[in-house]
């Protein structure tokens, strides 16, 4: 590394009378804005919401005389989240697909995807809260299928999985909102970007033009 006539070293810049290394000017994306980290968080929250629906959300304690043969009178009737709140399963899959699509989408598409994921997360939270607020209504379909009786007044206990779905839905929505500011640090790789980058590097000869055509780029 050499020294210039003004006393600064090569690779250094001078701002406001202060000499700063050139490396300090080159800053990467923050941790929260890294594409891999953000997509992984969104996928993890969507999978957490989806996974919660595979577990028991409600346990219905019925009169043994009302129980079907397939229901254990000691454990009660167990209702999975996929039956108590069917929309949570579908919305979690939508959010998962949206998070993966955001990693390859352009700027405008990321706005649309963000809105979809936020709406999906709001639906997850709303559905889970509804089950927690009125578990008997959420279990009526399973009760009718097991006993053939509807509108019966029974005791229903709620597990921790609906609350887990609420937390996952909230974190999912917050993570989705970070897509827009984080997208400024993401590089969109398209054939047009590749062509622009090639043009910036300098004129291409015939061989380079054929190579770029074989990759699907337009050298013109």
Foldseek 3Di string as FASTA:
>chain_A
DDADPVGHGPQWDADPNDIGGVVVVDDAADPLLDLVVLLVLLLVLLVLLLVLQQDFFKFWQDDVVQFAPVADNVRGDTHGNCQLQVLSNVLSVLSNVLSVVLSQDDQVVLVVSLVSQLVSLVSQLVSLVVCVVPVLVSCQVVSCVGRVDGPDDTDMDGDCSSVSSNVSSVSSNVSSVSSNVSVVNDDHDDLVVVLVVVVVVDDDDPVVCVVSVVVVHHND
